[in-house]
Amino acid sequence: MELPPVMPLFDSHDFLLLGNAIVNQHITQVSLHDVQDAGILVEHASDWLYEQKYNENNYKAYRSELTTYFHWCFDVIKQSPTLIGRREISQYVEYCQHPPETLIAYYNVAQFKEAGERGRVPNAQWRPFLGKKKMGEIQPYQLSDNALKTKLAVLSSFYGYLMSEDYCERNPAQAWLNKSRFASKKKYQRDPEDISQLAFTELQWSYVISTVETLALDKPEIYQRSLFLIKLIYSCYLRISEVAARAGYSPMMSQFQQDRQTGIWSFFIPQSKGGKQRNVAISHALLNALVNYRQYLGLSDYPSPRETHPLFIRHKAAGRGRDSGVLSANLGIRHLRDEVQHIINLAADKAEREGFNDDAADMRTLTVHNIRHTGITHDINLNHRPLSHVQADAGHESIDTTSQYLHTSKTERHQSAANKPLNHLEGIE
């Protein structure tokens, strides 16, 4: 089958969440050979794009820009978008201003088309750049200032989304815009006060945990999985993409690993943002939760080093997609996200019934990703773990990012400053 020189990654919104076998195969190869976190990034991009489904023009503009940008990152420079800085964005701008001739089309075609029994396939005639003809003559390719500004604005918005998902710590597109001729007086910056709004309070979190624990006792066939999922994300500060299946990655029980010399258990994440690996230290409470979960599944108390049992299996076989008809297969990002959101909403309902109306309203604005923030916040401020330990477990590139979770009140700051001496050696003769 003939394919276009650049693989289109995102079908129209009617087909986006169904997945595409050809695209999945392509992204798997990219993940294996060039950009390890390509699969995670495509999943995030799909979720972000799907939010635009009610605005057809926005959807088309956003997916075209993301496809072009991912092509440049995956195929041209072979680097994760999470590692891109302002200098690389300048290189991308230059690429878009002078793209290879083979990637320029002079008429609009759909990115995907129907191909009978094969279903939706990439359109071999599609190209990521669109040139112009005048009186039948091809004109020199030119990217207008408005088009360039729009491209960077779309990328900035996407990076903002990745930052809100804690998958990226900087916005290189906005950094480029801020230093460009398009710069406005309003500069992009991450408000450090935002961190305090991203976590559940102690009261709110107690409702989440107590709700899912009660559900797991009443209906274990449905909620035992939810109980362990929530405890794992909270205890190990995991992103949902780190425990969900995607092209080229299927989380397994053997990611719980015991050091042979020390006997210490940890959770191994083979690839996260930027394709980086990390081992997360786990608590005795989480290890006990793992044992309970595995006993419910009919497994041995602890996983073996080569165990391939999926981390979170389906309650019923998949009805469509690449795992159609398969029961013992991991769940994807959207399924796990919806499952946790269901628990959060039930916990909010319970809090509201017991008179905590404001807390309930706040809880309904929070998502599974806020559980990661909650785990980090509680470990720093309640459990008093060293910042360097939390930084390593959270996978933060900088200790400054971890430090933003350190909350102190004015009273606490006053108390710690009240008795500071001016001379520690005063009175010593």
Protein backbone atom coordinates (compact mmCIF):
# COMPACT_ATOMS: atom_id res chain seq x y z
CA MET A 1 0.00 0.00 0.00
CA GLU A 2 1.34 3.42 -0.93
CA LEU A 3 1.75 5.83 1.98
CA PRO A 4 2.37 9.60 2.01
CA PRO A 5 5.94 10.79 2.74
CA VAL A 6 4.75 12.07 6.12
CA MET A 7 2.42 9.92 8.19
CA PRO A 8 -0.83 11.71 9.19
CA LEU A 9 -1.40 10.89 12.85
CA PHE A 10 -4.90 12.12 13.65
CA ASP A 11 -8.05 11.20 11.75
CA SER A 12 -11.21 13.31 11.86
CA HIS A 13 -12.82 13.51 15.30
CA ASP A 14 -15.42 10.87 14.37
CA PHE A 15 -12.61 8.30 14.06
CA LEU A 16 -9.91 9.75 16.31
CA LEU A 17 -10.55 7.65 19.41
CA LEU A 18 -10.97 4.41 17.44
CA GLY A 19 -7.27 4.30 16.65
CA ASN A 20 -5.67 3.31 13.36
CA ALA A 21 -3.55 0.18 12.93
CA ILE A 22 -1.22 1.78 10.36
CA VAL A 23 -0.61 4.85 12.52
CA ASN A 24 -0.13 2.68 15.62
CA GLN A 25 2.47 0.58 13.82
CA HIS A 26 4.29 3.72 12.70
CA ILE A 27 4.31 5.24 16.20
CA THR A 28 5.49 1.94 17.69
CA GLN A 29 8.49 1.97 15.36
CA VAL A 30 9.24 5.60 16.23
CA SER A 31 9.04 4.74 19.94
CA LEU A 32 11.36 1.75 19.56
CA HIS A 33 14.00 3.42 17.44
CA ASP A 34 13.94 7.21 17.71
CA VAL A 35 11.67 8.92 20.26
CA GLN A 36 10.75 6.67 23.16
CA ASP A 37 7.79 8.68 24.42
CA ALA A 38 6.20 9.19 20.98
CA GLY A 39 3.25 6.98 21.91
CA ILE A 40 2.50 8.95 25.09
CA LEU A 41 2.69 12.24 23.23
CA VAL A 42 0.31 11.07 20.51
CA GLU A 43 -2.14 9.92 23.21
CA HIS A 44 -1.96 13.34 24.90
CA ALA A 45 -2.36 15.10 21.56
CA SER A 46 -5.40 12.98 20.73
CA ASP A 47 -7.04 13.86 24.03
CA TRP A 48 -6.31 17.54 23.51
CA LEU A 49 -7.59 17.44 19.95
CA TYR A 50 -10.77 15.65 20.93
CA GLU A 51 -11.65 18.59 23.16
CA GLN A 52 -11.89 20.66 19.96
CA LYS A 53 -14.41 18.37 18.26
CA TYR A 54 -17.24 20.90 18.49
CA ASN A 55 -15.25 23.50 16.52
CA GLU A 56 -14.45 21.97 13.15
CA ASN A 57 -12.11 24.76 12.04
CA ASN A 58 -10.09 24.63 15.25
CA TYR A 59 -9.90 20.85 15.08
CA LYS A 60 -8.52 20.87 11.54
CA ALA A 61 -6.02 23.63 12.23
CA TYR A 62 -4.79 22.03 15.45
CA ARG A 63 -4.37 18.53 14.03
CA SER A 64 -2.53 19.82 10.95
CA GLU A 65 -0.08 21.76 13.08
CA LEU A 66 0.49 18.89 15.52
CA THR A 67 1.05 16.45 12.67
CA THR A 68 3.62 18.77 11.08
CA TYR A 69 5.36 19.42 14.40
CA PHE A 70 5.46 15.75 15.37
CA HIS A 71 6.85 14.91 11.92
CA TRP A 72 9.66 17.39 12.49
CA CYS A 73 10.35 16.09 16.01
CA PHE A 74 10.01 12.35 15.24
CA ASP A 75 11.33 12.12 11.69
CA VAL A 76 13.64 15.08 11.15
CA ILE A 77 15.49 15.78 14.42
CA LYS A 78 14.39 12.55 16.20
CA GLN A 79 13.81 14.26 19.54
CA SER A 80 10.96 14.33 22.02
CA PRO A 81 8.92 17.57 22.04
CA THR A 82 9.42 17.63 25.83
CA LEU A 83 13.16 18.22 25.26
CA ILE A 84 12.69 21.06 22.77
CA GLY A 85 13.86 24.56 23.71
CA ARG A 86 13.53 28.02 22.14
CA ARG A 87 16.55 27.41 19.92
CA GLU A 88 14.97 24.27 18.42
CA ILE A 89 11.68 26.13 17.87
CA SER A 90 13.65 28.61 15.74
CA GLN A 91 14.91 25.67 13.69
CA TYR A 92 11.34 24.42 13.31
CA VAL A 93 10.22 27.85 12.09
CA GLU A 94 13.00 27.79 9.50
CA TYR A 95 11.87 24.31 8.40
CA CYS A 96 8.27 25.49 7.98
CA GLN A 97 9.38 28.52 6.00
CA HIS A 98 11.45 26.38 3.63
CA PRO A 99 9.95 22.85 3.64
CA PRO A 100 11.19 20.12 1.27
CA GLU A 101 9.47 20.32 -2.12
CA THR A 102 8.29 16.72 -1.77
CA LEU A 103 6.18 17.74 1.24
CA ILE A 104 4.26 20.52 -0.51
CA ALA A 105 0.88 19.89 -2.14
CA TYR A 106 -0.99 22.36 -4.32
CA TYR A 107 -4.53 21.17 -3.69
CA ASN A 108 -6.43 20.06 -0.60
CA VAL A 109 -6.91 16.34 0.01
CA ALA A 110 -8.14 14.44 3.07
CA GLN A 111 -5.51 13.03 5.41
CA PHE A 112 -7.31 9.65 5.59
CA LYS A 113 -9.62 7.84 3.22
CA GLU A 114 -11.81 4.73 3.19
CA ALA A 115 -10.20 1.64 1.67
CA GLY A 116 -12.90 -1.03 1.73
CA GLU A 117 -12.12 -3.92 4.06
CA ARG A 118 -8.94 -2.22 5.22
CA GLY A 119 -11.00 0.60 6.72
CA ARG A 120 -9.46 4.04 7.14
CA VAL A 121 -5.97 4.41 5.68
CA PRO A 122 -3.58 7.37 5.22
CA ASN A 123 -4.11 9.18 1.92
CA ALA A 124 -0.98 8.81 -0.22
CA GLN A 125 -1.72 12.18 -1.89
CA TRP A 126 -1.72 14.16 1.35
CA ARG A 127 1.17 16.51 2.21
CA PRO A 128 1.71 18.59 5.38
CA PHE A 129 2.36 21.87 3.52
CA LEU A 130 0.01 23.56 1.05
CA GLY A 131 1.39 25.78 -1.71
CA LYS A 132 -0.38 27.98 -4.27
CA LYS A 133 -0.81 28.08 -8.00
CA LYS A 134 -1.52 31.17 -10.08
CA MET A 135 -2.86 30.76 -13.60
CA GLY A 136 -1.80 27.14 -13.41
CA GLU A 137 1.76 28.07 -12.46
CA ILE A 138 3.30 26.91 -9.19
CA GLN A 139 4.25 29.85 -6.98
CA PRO A 140 7.27 29.90 -4.62
CA TYR A 141 6.19 28.54 -1.24
CA GLN A 142 5.67 31.28 1.32
CA LEU A 143 4.50 31.19 4.93
CA SER A 144 2.74 34.41 5.91
CA ASP A 145 3.32 36.08 9.26
CA ASN A 146 -0.28 35.34 10.27
CA ALA A 147 0.13 31.66 9.42
CA LEU A 148 3.41 31.47 11.34
CA LYS A 149 1.92 33.19 14.37
CA THR A 150 -1.03 30.78 14.28
CA LYS A 151 1.31 27.76 14.11
CA LEU A 152 3.24 28.91 17.18
CA ALA A 153 0.05 29.83 19.05
CA VAL A 154 -1.30 26.31 18.48
CA LEU A 155 1.96 24.78 19.71
CA SER A 156 1.97 27.08 22.74
CA SER A 157 -1.56 25.98 23.59
CA PHE A 158 -0.55 22.33 23.28
CA TYR A 159 2.48 22.82 25.50
CA GLY A 160 0.22 24.53 28.01
CA TYR A 161 -1.91 21.39 28.00
CA LEU A 162 1.17 19.18 28.52
CA MET A 163 2.21 21.37 31.44
CA SER A 164 -1.23 21.09 32.99
CA GLU A 165 -0.84 17.32 32.72
CA ASP A 166 2.62 17.67 34.33
CA TYR A 167 4.16 16.03 31.29
CA CYS A 168 6.29 19.03 30.40
CA GLU A 169 7.95 21.71 32.50
CA ARG A 170 8.36 24.46 29.89
CA ASN A 171 6.64 26.05 26.91
CA PRO A 172 9.29 26.64 24.21
CA ALA A 173 6.73 27.86 21.66
CA GLN A 174 5.60 30.67 23.94
CA ALA A 175 9.21 31.42 24.86
CA TRP A 176 9.94 31.88 21.15
CA LEU A 177 6.87 34.07 20.69
CA ASN A 178 7.88 36.22 23.66
CA LYS A 179 11.21 37.01 21.99
CA SER A 180 9.82 37.36 18.47
CA ARG A 181 8.33 40.27 16.56
CA PHE A 182 4.94 38.86 17.55
CA ALA A 183 5.65 39.41 21.25
CA SER A 184 2.88 40.93 23.32
CA LYS A 185 3.09 42.62 26.69
CA LYS A 186 1.56 39.57 28.36
CA LYS A 187 4.26 36.96 28.78
CA TYR A 188 3.60 33.33 29.48
CA GLN A 189 4.64 32.10 32.89
CA ARG A 190 3.51 29.36 35.17
CA ASP A 191 1.96 30.90 38.26
CA PRO A 192 3.62 29.30 41.30
CA GLU A 193 0.41 29.78 43.26
CA ASP A 194 -1.33 27.39 40.85
CA ILE A 195 0.38 24.38 42.47
CA SER A 196 -1.60 24.86 45.69
CA GLN A 197 -4.82 24.59 43.70
CA LEU A 198 -3.88 21.31 42.02
CA ALA A 199 -4.09 18.98 45.02
CA PHE A 200 -6.95 17.57 47.06
CA THR A 201 -7.10 18.89 50.62
CA GLU A 202 -6.69 16.35 53.42
CA LEU A 203 -10.45 16.31 53.93
CA GLN A 204 -11.20 15.90 50.23
CA TRP A 205 -8.64 13.15 49.85
CA SER A 206 -10.08 11.26 52.82
CA TYR A 207 -13.41 11.21 51.02
CA VAL A 208 -11.82 9.81 47.86
CA ILE A 209 -9.99 7.03 49.71
CA SER A 210 -12.88 6.09 51.99
CA THR A 211 -15.31 6.06 49.05
CA VAL A 212 -13.23 3.72 46.89
CA GLU A 213 -12.41 1.46 49.86
CA THR A 214 -16.12 1.08 50.66
CA LEU A 215 -16.94 0.38 47.00
CA ALA A 216 -14.18 -2.24 46.80
CA LEU A 217 -15.71 -4.08 49.77
CA ASP A 218 -19.25 -3.89 48.43
CA LYS A 219 -18.50 -4.64 44.76
CA PRO A 220 -14.97 -6.03 44.49
CA GLU A 221 -15.56 -7.33 40.97
CA ILE A 222 -15.83 -3.71 39.82
CA TYR A 223 -13.88 -1.59 42.28
CA GLN A 224 -10.87 -3.63 43.46
CA ARG A 225 -9.08 -2.45 40.34
CA SER A 226 -10.08 1.17 41.02
CA LEU A 227 -8.85 0.94 44.61
CA PHE A 228 -5.37 -0.23 43.66
CA LEU A 229 -5.16 2.18 40.71
CA ILE A 230 -5.87 5.19 42.92
CA LYS A 231 -3.49 4.05 45.67
CA LEU A 232 -0.73 3.44 43.11
CA ILE A 233 -1.08 6.85 41.44
CA TYR A 234 -1.17 8.62 44.82
CA SER A 235 1.72 6.72 46.41
CA CYS A 236 4.08 6.81 43.40
CA TYR A 237 3.00 10.20 41.95
CA LEU A 238 2.25 8.51 38.64
CA ARG A 239 0.95 10.17 35.52
CA ILE A 240 -1.98 8.27 34.00
CA SER A 241 0.13 7.67 30.90
CA GLU A 242 2.62 5.72 33.03
CA VAL A 243 0.09 3.03 33.96
CA ALA A 244 -1.99 2.95 30.76
CA ALA A 245 -1.48 0.90 27.59
CA ARG A 246 -0.64 2.53 24.29
CA ALA A 247 1.11 1.66 21.05
CA GLY A 248 4.41 0.02 21.98
CA TYR A 249 3.79 -0.11 25.75
CA SER A 250 1.79 -2.45 27.99
CA PRO A 251 2.31 -2.06 31.79
CA MET A 252 2.98 -5.33 33.62
CA MET A 253 3.05 -6.61 37.19
CA SER A 254 6.79 -7.27 36.86
CA GLN A 255 7.37 -3.51 37.01
CA PHE A 256 7.13 -4.01 40.76
CA GLN A 257 10.70 -5.03 41.47
CA GLN A 258 12.60 -6.14 44.56
CA ASP A 259 16.29 -5.41 45.03
CA ARG A 260 17.97 -8.73 45.75
CA GLN A 261 20.52 -7.24 48.13
CA THR A 262 18.37 -4.88 50.18
CA GLY A 263 14.95 -6.49 49.76
CA ILE A 264 13.53 -3.04 48.99
CA TRP A 265 10.61 -2.86 46.55
CA SER A 266 10.16 -0.19 43.90
CA PHE A 267 7.97 0.49 40.87
CA PHE A 268 9.86 0.70 37.59
CA ILE A 269 8.69 3.09 34.87
CA PRO A 270 10.43 2.08 31.61
CA GLN A 271 9.59 5.29 29.78
CA SER A 272 7.96 8.55 30.70
CA LYS A 273 8.31 12.07 29.38
CA GLY A 274 11.37 12.45 27.22
CA GLY A 275 11.70 8.66 27.14
CA LYS A 276 13.33 8.66 30.58
CA GLN A 277 13.26 5.72 32.98
CA ARG A 278 12.90 5.88 36.74
CA ASN A 279 12.40 3.68 39.79
CA VAL A 280 9.91 4.94 42.36
CA ALA A 281 10.32 3.97 46.01
CA ILE A 282 7.14 2.41 47.41
CA SER A 283 5.73 2.38 50.93
CA HIS A 284 4.80 -0.60 53.07
CA ALA A 285 1.16 0.50 52.72
CA LEU A 286 1.33 0.33 48.92
CA LEU A 287 3.11 -3.04 49.03
CA ASN A 288 0.29 -4.38 51.21
CA ALA A 289 -2.23 -2.94 48.74
CA LEU A 290 -0.41 -4.77 45.93
CA VAL A 291 -0.61 -8.07 47.84
CA ASN A 292 -4.34 -7.60 48.47
CA TYR A 293 -4.97 -6.73 44.82
CA ARG A 294 -3.01 -9.73 43.56
CA GLN A 295 -4.76 -12.07 45.99
CA TYR A 296 -8.10 -10.87 44.64
CA LEU A 297 -6.86 -11.63 41.11
CA GLY A 298 -5.83 -15.13 42.18
CA LEU A 299 -2.12 -14.42 41.79
CA SER A 300 0.79 -15.04 44.14
CA ASP A 301 1.40 -12.34 46.74
CA TYR A 302 4.36 -10.84 44.89
CA PRO A 303 5.13 -10.66 41.16
CA SER A 304 8.06 -12.56 39.71
CA PRO A 305 10.76 -10.68 37.73
CA ARG A 306 9.48 -12.01 34.40
CA GLU A 307 5.75 -11.93 35.08
CA THR A 308 3.76 -10.63 32.12
CA HIS A 309 0.35 -10.31 33.79
CA PRO A 310 -1.15 -6.91 32.84
CA LEU A 311 -1.24 -4.30 35.57
CA PHE A 312 -4.91 -3.42 35.09
CA ILE A 313 -6.99 -5.88 33.10
CA ARG A 314 -10.43 -5.39 31.63
CA HIS A 315 -13.65 -6.45 33.32
CA LYS A 316 -14.93 -7.57 29.93
CA ALA A 317 -13.33 -8.12 26.54
CA ALA A 318 -12.73 -5.10 24.36
CA GLY A 319 -15.41 -4.52 21.75
CA ARG A 320 -13.27 -2.64 19.25
CA GLY A 321 -9.78 -1.38 18.54
CA ARG A 322 -6.51 -3.28 18.54
CA ASP A 323 -7.54 -5.36 21.60
CA SER A 324 -10.97 -6.33 20.24
CA GLY A 325 -12.17 -9.55 21.85
CA VAL A 326 -9.27 -9.65 24.34
CA LEU A 327 -9.95 -9.74 28.08
CA SER A 328 -6.45 -10.01 29.55
CA ALA A 329 -5.26 -6.72 28.07
CA ASN A 330 -4.29 -3.48 29.73
CA LEU A 331 -6.58 -0.48 29.76
CA GLY A 332 -5.80 2.74 27.90
CA ILE A 333 -5.52 6.30 29.18
CA ARG A 334 -9.14 7.29 28.57
CA HIS A 335 -10.62 4.23 30.23
CA LEU A 336 -8.48 4.62 33.37
CA ARG A 337 -9.10 8.36 33.49
CA ASP A 338 -12.88 7.86 33.29
CA GLU A 339 -12.74 5.17 35.98
CA VAL A 340 -10.95 7.42 38.46
CA GLN A 341 -13.17 10.39 37.60
CA HIS A 342 -16.19 8.25 38.46
CA ILE A 343 -14.73 7.62 41.92
CA ILE A 344 -13.94 11.32 42.45
CA ASN A 345 -17.50 12.28 41.53
CA LEU A 346 -18.95 9.69 43.92
CA ALA A 347 -16.67 10.99 46.69
CA ALA A 348 -17.81 14.54 45.97
CA ASP A 349 -21.45 13.41 46.19
CA LYS A 350 -20.74 11.90 49.60
CA ALA A 351 -19.01 15.06 50.83
CA GLU A 352 -21.96 17.14 49.68
CA ARG A 353 -24.45 14.89 51.46
CA GLU A 354 -22.48 15.40 54.66
CA GLY A 355 -22.55 19.19 54.37
CA PHE A 356 -19.20 19.96 52.74
CA ASN A 357 -20.69 21.74 49.76
CA ASP A 358 -17.67 23.90 48.89
CA ASP A 359 -15.30 20.95 49.10
CA ALA A 360 -17.61 18.88 46.92
CA ALA A 361 -17.70 21.63 44.30
CA ASP A 362 -13.89 21.85 44.33
CA MET A 363 -13.54 18.08 44.04
CA ARG A 364 -15.65 17.97 40.89
CA THR A 365 -13.13 20.26 39.18
CA LEU A 366 -10.24 17.88 39.94
CA THR A 367 -9.12 14.89 37.88
CA VAL A 368 -6.93 11.81 38.06
CA HIS A 369 -3.88 13.97 37.39
CA ASN A 370 -4.55 15.94 40.57
CA ILE A 371 -3.99 12.71 42.50
CA ARG A 372 -0.34 12.85 41.43
CA HIS A 373 -0.11 16.42 42.72
CA THR A 374 -1.80 15.33 45.95
CA GLY A 375 0.71 12.56 46.55
CA ILE A 376 3.63 14.95 46.02
CA THR A 377 2.04 17.66 48.18
CA HIS A 378 1.26 15.30 51.06
CA ASP A 379 4.68 13.69 51.02
CA ILE A 380 6.45 17.05 51.23
CA ASN A 381 4.15 18.87 53.64
CA LEU A 382 2.66 16.08 55.76
CA ASN A 383 5.15 13.20 55.56
CA HIS A 384 8.16 15.54 55.38
CA ARG A 385 10.06 13.56 52.76
CA PRO A 386 13.23 15.32 51.55
CA LEU A 387 12.67 17.35 48.40
CA SER A 388 15.46 15.50 46.58
CA HIS A 389 13.74 12.16 47.25
CA VAL A 390 10.40 13.45 46.00
CA GLN A 391 12.05 15.00 42.95
CA ALA A 392 13.58 11.65 41.96
CA ASP A 393 10.34 9.72 42.47
CA ALA A 394 8.23 12.35 40.68
CA GLY A 395 10.58 12.51 37.70
CA HIS A 396 10.99 16.29 37.91
CA GLU A 397 13.89 17.65 35.89
CA SER A 398 14.52 20.45 38.36
CA ILE A 399 14.33 20.69 42.16
CA ASP A 400 12.67 24.08 41.57
CA THR A 401 9.60 22.29 40.20
CA THR A 402 9.42 20.09 43.29
CA SER A 403 9.90 23.10 45.57
CA GLN A 404 6.68 24.64 44.29
CA TYR A 405 4.79 21.99 46.24
CA LEU A 406 6.27 23.19 49.55
CA HIS A 407 3.45 25.06 51.25
CA THR A 408 3.97 27.26 54.29
CA SER A 409 1.52 29.62 55.93
CA LYS A 410 2.37 33.12 57.16
CA THR A 411 2.06 31.85 60.74
CA GLU A 412 4.50 28.99 60.10
CA ARG A 413 6.98 31.36 58.48
CA HIS A 414 6.67 33.77 61.42
CA GLN A 415 7.23 30.99 63.96
CA SER A 416 10.30 29.71 62.16
CA ALA A 417 11.74 33.24 61.97
CA ALA A 418 10.78 34.53 65.41
CA ASN A 419 13.79 33.25 67.35
CA LYS A 420 16.51 33.59 64.73
CA PRO A 421 19.64 34.99 66.38
CA LEU A 422 21.73 37.66 64.70
CA ASN A 423 24.96 36.22 66.11
CA HIS A 424 25.23 32.51 66.81
CA LEU A 425 28.44 33.07 68.80
CA GLU A 426 27.06 35.83 71.01
CA GLY A 427 27.99 35.35 74.68
CA ILE A 428 30.88 33.04 73.94
CA GLU A 429 34.13 34.39 75.38
